[in-house]
């Protein structure tokens, strides 16, 4: 079991609640993790609570969120430093659908992949590490 109170913040949010079993984050507008690409902008100002592990693991999380506007996101991140990280998230697009996406950032360059999904209020993620390899899975019912 992960004890979230041992986590370290990247861009600590103004509003958050962290207990041993629960994390709640209220983000500020225009925060994101994104590096160089053809979009022409960079952001490394989103809040993230990091838990350090050098061991193999499987981490399962139910993520609930309330969208406010276009491009709002919620998800998980594997973070080495501001130029090397991976995130999986749901991004709000409109009243009909969201985008389930992944971003791999290597040496300061981000690569984004997405697929359209229904507009959920929550999603389950399962993140596994086996040596140098990572696997991210998602579901709407916790049966990933």
N, C-alpha and C. Protein backbone atom coordinates (compact mmCIF):
# COMPACT_ATOMS: atom_id res chain seq x y z
N UNK A 1 0.84 -1.18 0.00
CA UNK A 1 0.00 0.00 0.00
C UNK A 1 0.89 1.24 0.00
N UNK A 2 0.57 2.19 -0.84
CA UNK A 2 1.31 3.45 -0.93
C UNK A 2 0.82 4.40 0.16
N UNK A 3 1.75 5.04 0.84
CA UNK A 3 1.40 6.09 1.79
C UNK A 3 1.71 7.43 1.12
N UNK A 4 0.68 8.12 0.66
CA UNK A 4 0.86 9.34 -0.12
C UNK A 4 1.47 10.49 0.67
N UNK A 5 1.43 10.42 2.01
CA UNK A 5 2.01 11.51 2.80
C UNK A 5 3.52 11.58 2.66
N UNK A 6 4.15 10.52 2.11
CA UNK A 6 5.60 10.53 1.87
C UNK A 6 5.94 11.10 0.50
N UNK A 7 4.96 11.51 -0.28
CA UNK A 7 5.20 12.02 -1.62
C UNK A 7 5.88 13.38 -1.63
N UNK A 8 6.52 13.67 -2.73
CA UNK A 8 7.18 14.97 -2.95
C UNK A 8 6.48 15.66 -4.12
N UNK A 9 6.22 16.95 -3.98
CA UNK A 9 5.50 17.70 -5.01
C UNK A 9 6.42 18.21 -6.11
N UNK A 10 5.92 18.16 -7.32
CA UNK A 10 6.42 18.96 -8.44
C UNK A 10 5.33 20.00 -8.64
N UNK A 11 5.64 21.27 -8.52
CA UNK A 11 4.66 22.36 -8.64
C UNK A 11 3.49 22.15 -7.67
N UNK A 12 3.77 22.27 -6.40
CA UNK A 12 2.74 22.05 -5.38
C UNK A 12 1.53 22.94 -5.64
N UNK A 13 0.32 22.36 -5.63
CA UNK A 13 -0.88 23.16 -5.90
C UNK A 13 -1.25 24.04 -4.71
N UNK A 14 -2.02 25.08 -4.98
CA UNK A 14 -2.53 25.94 -3.91
C UNK A 14 -3.55 25.20 -3.06
N UNK A 15 -4.34 24.32 -3.71
CA UNK A 15 -5.39 23.58 -3.01
C UNK A 15 -5.17 22.08 -3.22
N UNK A 16 -4.95 21.37 -2.11
CA UNK A 16 -4.80 19.91 -2.18
C UNK A 16 -5.11 19.31 -0.82
N UNK A 17 -5.38 18.02 -0.83
CA UNK A 17 -5.54 17.25 0.40
C UNK A 17 -4.81 15.93 0.18
N UNK A 18 -3.91 15.59 1.09
CA UNK A 18 -3.14 14.36 0.97
C UNK A 18 -3.23 13.61 2.30
N UNK A 19 -3.73 12.38 2.24
CA UNK A 19 -3.73 11.49 3.41
C UNK A 19 -2.90 10.27 3.04
N UNK A 20 -2.81 9.32 3.93
CA UNK A 20 -2.03 8.12 3.63
C UNK A 20 -2.62 7.32 2.46
N UNK A 21 -3.94 7.44 2.21
CA UNK A 21 -4.60 6.64 1.19
C UNK A 21 -5.27 7.43 0.08
N UNK A 22 -5.21 8.76 0.12
CA UNK A 22 -6.05 9.57 -0.76
C UNK A 22 -5.32 10.86 -1.14
N UNK A 23 -5.48 11.27 -2.40
CA UNK A 23 -4.93 12.54 -2.87
C UNK A 23 -6.02 13.28 -3.63
N UNK A 24 -6.23 14.55 -3.28
CA UNK A 24 -7.15 15.42 -4.01
C UNK A 24 -6.38 16.68 -4.41
N UNK A 25 -6.46 17.01 -5.69
CA UNK A 25 -5.74 18.18 -6.21
C UNK A 25 -6.71 19.06 -6.97
N UNK A 26 -6.70 20.35 -6.68
CA UNK A 26 -7.42 21.33 -7.48
C UNK A 26 -6.37 22.11 -8.25
N UNK A 27 -6.42 22.01 -9.56
CA UNK A 27 -5.38 22.64 -10.38
C UNK A 27 -5.76 24.07 -10.74
N UNK A 28 -4.76 24.83 -11.08
CA UNK A 28 -4.95 26.19 -11.57
C UNK A 28 -5.11 26.14 -13.09
N UNK A 29 -5.73 27.15 -13.68
CA UNK A 29 -5.84 27.19 -15.15
C UNK A 29 -4.46 27.22 -15.82
N UNK A 30 -4.43 26.66 -17.01
CA UNK A 30 -3.25 26.71 -17.88
C UNK A 30 -2.02 26.04 -17.27
N UNK A 31 -2.24 24.94 -16.53
CA UNK A 31 -1.12 24.15 -16.05
C UNK A 31 -1.06 22.85 -16.84
N UNK A 32 0.15 22.36 -17.08
CA UNK A 32 0.31 21.18 -17.93
C UNK A 32 1.74 20.68 -17.82
N UNK A 33 1.95 19.46 -18.26
CA UNK A 33 3.28 18.92 -18.55
C UNK A 33 3.35 18.74 -20.05
N UNK A 34 4.23 19.47 -20.70
CA UNK A 34 4.38 19.40 -22.15
C UNK A 34 5.72 20.03 -22.51
N UNK A 35 6.47 19.42 -23.41
CA UNK A 35 7.75 19.97 -23.84
C UNK A 35 7.74 20.19 -25.35
N UNK A 36 8.91 20.39 -25.91
CA UNK A 36 9.05 20.79 -27.32
C UNK A 36 8.30 19.86 -28.28
N UNK A 37 7.61 20.46 -29.21
CA UNK A 37 6.95 19.75 -30.31
C UNK A 37 6.54 20.81 -31.32
N UNK A 38 5.83 20.40 -32.34
CA UNK A 38 5.42 21.37 -33.36
C UNK A 38 4.37 22.35 -32.85
N UNK A 39 3.80 22.11 -31.64
CA UNK A 39 2.83 23.06 -31.08
C UNK A 39 3.47 24.37 -30.68
N UNK A 40 4.78 24.37 -30.43
CA UNK A 40 5.50 25.61 -30.20
C UNK A 40 5.46 26.17 -28.79
N UNK A 41 5.01 25.40 -27.80
CA UNK A 41 5.02 25.90 -26.43
C UNK A 41 5.53 24.81 -25.49
N UNK A 42 5.92 25.22 -24.29
CA UNK A 42 6.39 24.29 -23.27
C UNK A 42 5.71 24.63 -21.95
N UNK A 43 5.33 23.60 -21.21
CA UNK A 43 4.77 23.78 -19.88
C UNK A 43 5.33 22.71 -18.96
N UNK A 44 5.68 23.08 -17.78
CA UNK A 44 6.08 22.14 -16.74
C UNK A 44 5.62 22.68 -15.40
N UNK A 45 4.34 23.10 -15.38
CA UNK A 45 3.82 23.78 -14.21
C UNK A 45 2.61 23.10 -13.58
N UNK A 46 2.27 21.89 -14.01
CA UNK A 46 1.14 21.17 -13.42
C UNK A 46 1.57 20.52 -12.10
N UNK A 47 0.66 20.41 -11.15
CA UNK A 47 1.01 19.74 -9.90
C UNK A 47 1.08 18.22 -10.09
N UNK A 48 2.05 17.61 -9.42
CA UNK A 48 2.17 16.15 -9.42
C UNK A 48 2.78 15.73 -8.09
N UNK A 49 2.20 14.72 -7.48
CA UNK A 49 2.73 14.17 -6.24
C UNK A 49 3.52 12.91 -6.60
N UNK A 50 4.82 12.93 -6.35
CA UNK A 50 5.71 11.84 -6.76
C UNK A 50 6.02 10.91 -5.60
N UNK A 51 5.98 9.61 -5.88
CA UNK A 51 6.36 8.57 -4.93
C UNK A 51 7.55 7.85 -5.55
N UNK A 52 8.67 7.82 -4.87
CA UNK A 52 9.90 7.22 -5.40
C UNK A 52 9.88 5.71 -5.22
N UNK A 53 10.28 4.98 -6.28
CA UNK A 53 10.41 3.53 -6.19
C UNK A 53 11.45 3.06 -7.20
N UNK A 54 12.35 2.24 -6.73
CA UNK A 54 13.32 1.61 -7.61
C UNK A 54 12.96 0.14 -7.84
N UNK A 55 11.91 -0.32 -7.17
CA UNK A 55 11.47 -1.71 -7.26
C UNK A 55 10.38 -1.89 -8.31
N UNK A 56 10.16 -3.13 -8.72
CA UNK A 56 9.00 -3.45 -9.55
C UNK A 56 7.74 -3.19 -8.73
N UNK A 57 6.66 -2.78 -9.40
CA UNK A 57 5.42 -2.51 -8.69
C UNK A 57 4.24 -2.56 -9.65
N UNK A 58 3.05 -2.66 -9.08
CA UNK A 58 1.80 -2.43 -9.78
C UNK A 58 1.00 -1.48 -8.91
N UNK A 59 0.57 -0.37 -9.49
CA UNK A 59 -0.15 0.69 -8.78
C UNK A 59 -1.49 0.88 -9.48
N UNK A 60 -2.58 0.74 -8.74
CA UNK A 60 -3.92 0.93 -9.29
C UNK A 60 -4.57 2.13 -8.62
N UNK A 61 -5.18 3.00 -9.43
CA UNK A 61 -5.80 4.22 -8.89
C UNK A 61 -7.12 4.49 -9.60
N UNK A 62 -8.12 4.85 -8.81
CA UNK A 62 -9.38 5.35 -9.35
C UNK A 62 -9.28 6.86 -9.34
N UNK A 63 -9.44 7.47 -10.50
CA UNK A 63 -9.28 8.92 -10.65
C UNK A 63 -10.64 9.52 -10.98
N UNK A 64 -11.11 10.42 -10.12
CA UNK A 64 -12.37 11.14 -10.35
C UNK A 64 -12.06 12.60 -10.60
N UNK A 65 -12.83 13.25 -11.47
CA UNK A 65 -12.51 14.63 -11.82
C UNK A 65 -13.74 15.36 -12.31
N UNK A 66 -13.65 16.69 -12.24
CA UNK A 66 -14.70 17.57 -12.73
C UNK A 66 -14.08 18.50 -13.76
N UNK A 67 -14.56 18.40 -14.98
CA UNK A 67 -14.05 19.25 -16.05
C UNK A 67 -14.61 20.66 -15.92
N UNK A 68 -13.78 21.65 -16.21
CA UNK A 68 -14.22 23.03 -16.22
C UNK A 68 -14.20 23.62 -17.63
N UNK A 69 -13.16 23.26 -18.40
CA UNK A 69 -13.05 23.83 -19.74
C UNK A 69 -12.20 22.95 -20.65
N UNK A 70 -12.17 23.29 -21.91
CA UNK A 70 -11.43 22.57 -22.94
C UNK A 70 -10.00 22.31 -22.49
N UNK A 71 -9.53 21.09 -22.72
CA UNK A 71 -8.16 20.62 -22.45
C UNK A 71 -7.88 20.31 -20.97
N UNK A 72 -8.86 20.43 -20.07
CA UNK A 72 -8.64 19.99 -18.69
C UNK A 72 -8.26 18.51 -18.70
N UNK A 73 -7.29 18.14 -17.86
CA UNK A 73 -6.77 16.78 -17.84
C UNK A 73 -6.66 16.24 -16.42
N UNK A 74 -6.63 14.92 -16.32
CA UNK A 74 -6.41 14.25 -15.05
C UNK A 74 -5.78 12.90 -15.34
N UNK A 75 -4.72 12.55 -14.60
CA UNK A 75 -4.08 11.27 -14.86
C UNK A 75 -2.92 10.97 -13.95
N UNK A 76 -2.03 10.12 -14.44
CA UNK A 76 -0.84 9.68 -13.71
C UNK A 76 0.40 10.06 -14.48
N UNK A 77 1.51 10.22 -13.76
CA UNK A 77 2.78 10.57 -14.41
C UNK A 77 3.91 9.73 -13.81
N UNK A 78 4.82 9.32 -14.67
CA UNK A 78 6.11 8.76 -14.27
C UNK A 78 7.11 9.85 -14.58
N UNK A 79 7.82 10.32 -13.58
CA UNK A 79 8.61 11.55 -13.72
C UNK A 79 10.05 11.31 -13.31
N UNK A 80 10.97 11.46 -14.26
CA UNK A 80 12.40 11.40 -13.95
C UNK A 80 12.93 12.81 -13.70
N UNK A 81 12.66 13.71 -14.66
CA UNK A 81 12.98 15.13 -14.53
C UNK A 81 12.13 15.87 -15.56
N UNK A 82 12.29 17.21 -15.67
CA UNK A 82 11.39 17.98 -16.53
C UNK A 82 11.58 17.71 -18.01
N UNK A 83 12.60 16.95 -18.39
CA UNK A 83 12.80 16.62 -19.81
C UNK A 83 12.61 15.14 -20.10
N UNK A 84 12.26 14.35 -19.09
CA UNK A 84 12.09 12.90 -19.26
C UNK A 84 10.96 12.42 -18.35
N UNK A 85 9.80 12.15 -18.96
CA UNK A 85 8.65 11.71 -18.19
C UNK A 85 7.61 11.09 -19.13
N UNK A 86 6.63 10.43 -18.51
CA UNK A 86 5.50 9.83 -19.23
C UNK A 86 4.23 10.18 -18.46
N UNK A 87 3.19 10.57 -19.18
CA UNK A 87 1.90 10.78 -18.51
C UNK A 87 0.80 10.08 -19.29
N UNK A 88 -0.18 9.58 -18.54
CA UNK A 88 -1.41 9.04 -19.11
C UNK A 88 -2.54 9.87 -18.53
N UNK A 89 -3.44 10.35 -19.39
CA UNK A 89 -4.49 11.23 -18.87
C UNK A 89 -5.73 11.19 -19.75
N UNK A 90 -6.81 11.68 -19.17
CA UNK A 90 -8.02 11.96 -19.93
C UNK A 90 -8.08 13.47 -20.10
N UNK A 91 -8.37 13.89 -21.31
CA UNK A 91 -8.44 15.33 -21.62
C UNK A 91 -9.83 15.66 -22.14
N UNK A 92 -10.45 16.65 -21.52
CA UNK A 92 -11.79 17.08 -21.93
C UNK A 92 -11.75 17.76 -23.29
N UNK A 93 -12.65 17.35 -24.18
CA UNK A 93 -12.76 17.97 -25.51
C UNK A 93 -14.08 18.71 -25.67
N UNK A 94 -15.20 18.03 -25.40
CA UNK A 94 -16.52 18.66 -25.53
C UNK A 94 -17.54 17.82 -24.75
N UNK A 95 -18.82 18.17 -24.86
CA UNK A 95 -19.88 17.47 -24.12
C UNK A 95 -20.09 16.04 -24.58
N UNK A 96 -19.53 15.67 -25.74
CA UNK A 96 -19.74 14.33 -26.29
C UNK A 96 -18.62 13.35 -25.99
N UNK A 97 -17.37 13.81 -25.92
CA UNK A 97 -16.26 12.88 -25.75
C UNK A 97 -15.05 13.56 -25.11
N UNK A 98 -14.17 12.70 -24.64
CA UNK A 98 -12.85 13.10 -24.13
C UNK A 98 -11.80 12.36 -24.94
N UNK A 99 -10.54 12.63 -24.62
CA UNK A 99 -9.44 11.91 -25.25
C UNK A 99 -8.63 11.20 -24.17
N UNK A 100 -8.48 9.90 -24.33
CA UNK A 100 -7.56 9.14 -23.51
C UNK A 100 -6.21 9.25 -24.19
N UNK A 101 -5.22 9.74 -23.47
CA UNK A 101 -3.95 10.00 -24.13
C UNK A 101 -2.75 9.59 -23.32
N UNK A 102 -1.64 9.50 -24.03
CA UNK A 102 -0.34 9.28 -23.40
C UNK A 102 0.66 10.23 -24.02
N UNK A 103 1.55 10.73 -23.20
CA UNK A 103 2.64 11.58 -23.68
C UNK A 103 3.94 11.00 -23.15
N UNK A 104 4.86 10.72 -24.06
CA UNK A 104 6.20 10.32 -23.69
C UNK A 104 7.11 11.50 -24.00
N UNK A 105 7.84 11.97 -23.01
CA UNK A 105 8.79 13.06 -23.21
C UNK A 105 10.18 12.52 -22.94
N UNK A 106 11.02 12.59 -23.96
CA UNK A 106 12.38 12.07 -23.90
C UNK A 106 13.35 13.15 -24.36
N UNK A 107 14.31 13.47 -23.51
CA UNK A 107 15.31 14.50 -23.82
C UNK A 107 14.66 15.82 -24.20
N UNK A 108 13.52 16.13 -23.56
CA UNK A 108 12.86 17.42 -23.75
C UNK A 108 11.92 17.52 -24.93
N UNK A 109 11.60 16.40 -25.58
CA UNK A 109 10.67 16.41 -26.72
C UNK A 109 9.49 15.50 -26.42
N UNK A 110 8.27 16.05 -26.52
CA UNK A 110 7.05 15.31 -26.20
C UNK A 110 6.44 14.69 -27.45
N UNK A 111 5.92 13.47 -27.29
CA UNK A 111 5.20 12.76 -28.35
C UNK A 111 3.87 12.32 -27.76
N UNK A 112 2.77 12.68 -28.41
CA UNK A 112 1.43 12.51 -27.87
C UNK A 112 0.63 11.53 -28.72
N UNK A 113 -0.08 10.60 -28.07
CA UNK A 113 -0.98 9.67 -28.76
C UNK A 113 -2.32 9.71 -28.04
N UNK A 114 -3.43 9.71 -28.80
CA UNK A 114 -4.76 9.78 -28.19
C UNK A 114 -5.75 8.88 -28.89
N UNK A 115 -6.84 8.62 -28.20
CA UNK A 115 -8.00 7.98 -28.79
C UNK A 115 -9.24 8.60 -28.15
N UNK A 116 -10.29 8.78 -28.92
CA UNK A 116 -11.53 9.35 -28.40
C UNK A 116 -12.27 8.31 -27.57
N UNK A 117 -12.83 8.76 -26.43
CA UNK A 117 -13.60 7.89 -25.54
C UNK A 117 -14.83 8.65 -25.07
N UNK A 118 -15.83 7.93 -24.51
CA UNK A 118 -16.98 8.63 -23.93
C UNK A 118 -16.51 9.59 -22.83
N UNK A 119 -17.37 10.46 -22.41
CA UNK A 119 -17.04 11.49 -21.42
C UNK A 119 -17.27 10.96 -20.00
N UNK A 120 -16.25 10.32 -19.39
CA UNK A 120 -16.45 9.76 -18.05
C UNK A 120 -16.20 10.79 -16.95
N UNK A 121 -16.73 10.53 -15.77
CA UNK A 121 -16.43 11.34 -14.58
C UNK A 121 -15.31 10.71 -13.76
N UNK A 122 -15.01 9.45 -14.07
CA UNK A 122 -13.92 8.76 -13.40
C UNK A 122 -13.36 7.67 -14.30
N UNK A 123 -12.13 7.28 -14.00
CA UNK A 123 -11.46 6.22 -14.75
C UNK A 123 -10.49 5.52 -13.81
N UNK A 124 -10.22 4.27 -14.09
CA UNK A 124 -9.23 3.50 -13.35
C UNK A 124 -7.97 3.41 -14.19
N UNK A 125 -6.82 3.57 -13.53
CA UNK A 125 -5.53 3.34 -14.16
C UNK A 125 -4.80 2.25 -13.39
N UNK A 126 -4.07 1.42 -14.11
CA UNK A 126 -3.14 0.48 -13.48
C UNK A 126 -1.79 0.68 -14.15
N UNK A 127 -0.81 1.02 -13.35
CA UNK A 127 0.54 1.29 -13.82
C UNK A 127 1.47 0.24 -13.23
N UNK A 128 2.21 -0.46 -14.10
CA UNK A 128 3.12 -1.50 -13.65
C UNK A 128 4.53 -1.23 -14.14
N UNK A 129 5.49 -1.56 -13.28
CA UNK A 129 6.90 -1.46 -13.66
C UNK A 129 7.52 -2.84 -13.51
N UNK A 130 8.24 -3.26 -14.54
CA UNK A 130 9.01 -4.49 -14.52
C UNK A 130 10.38 -4.15 -15.08
N UNK A 131 11.35 -3.97 -14.18
CA UNK A 131 12.68 -3.55 -14.60
C UNK A 131 12.60 -2.18 -15.26
N UNK A 132 13.17 -2.04 -16.46
CA UNK A 132 13.15 -0.73 -17.13
C UNK A 132 11.85 -0.46 -17.91
N UNK A 133 10.91 -1.42 -17.89
CA UNK A 133 9.69 -1.31 -18.69
C UNK A 133 8.49 -0.92 -17.84
N UNK A 134 7.59 -0.14 -18.45
CA UNK A 134 6.36 0.29 -17.79
C UNK A 134 5.17 -0.07 -18.67
N UNK A 135 4.04 -0.38 -18.03
CA UNK A 135 2.79 -0.66 -18.72
C UNK A 135 1.71 0.16 -18.04
N UNK A 136 0.90 0.87 -18.85
CA UNK A 136 -0.24 1.61 -18.31
C UNK A 136 -1.50 1.01 -18.92
N UNK A 137 -2.51 0.77 -18.08
CA UNK A 137 -3.79 0.24 -18.54
C UNK A 137 -4.89 1.11 -17.94
N UNK A 138 -6.06 1.10 -18.58
CA UNK A 138 -7.18 1.90 -18.07
C UNK A 138 -8.49 1.15 -18.28
N UNK A 139 -9.48 1.50 -17.45
CA UNK A 139 -10.82 0.96 -17.61
C UNK A 139 -11.81 1.89 -16.93
N UNK A 140 -13.09 1.69 -17.24
CA UNK A 140 -14.14 2.48 -16.61
C UNK A 140 -14.73 1.79 -15.39
N UNK A 141 -14.39 0.49 -15.18
CA UNK A 141 -15.02 -0.28 -14.11
C UNK A 141 -14.03 -0.85 -13.09
N UNK A 142 -12.76 -0.55 -13.22
CA UNK A 142 -11.77 -1.07 -12.28
C UNK A 142 -11.27 -2.45 -12.61
N UNK A 143 -11.77 -3.03 -13.68
CA UNK A 143 -11.35 -4.37 -14.09
C UNK A 143 -10.35 -4.26 -15.23
N UNK A 144 -9.26 -3.57 -14.99
CA UNK A 144 -8.26 -3.37 -16.05
C UNK A 144 -7.51 -4.63 -16.35
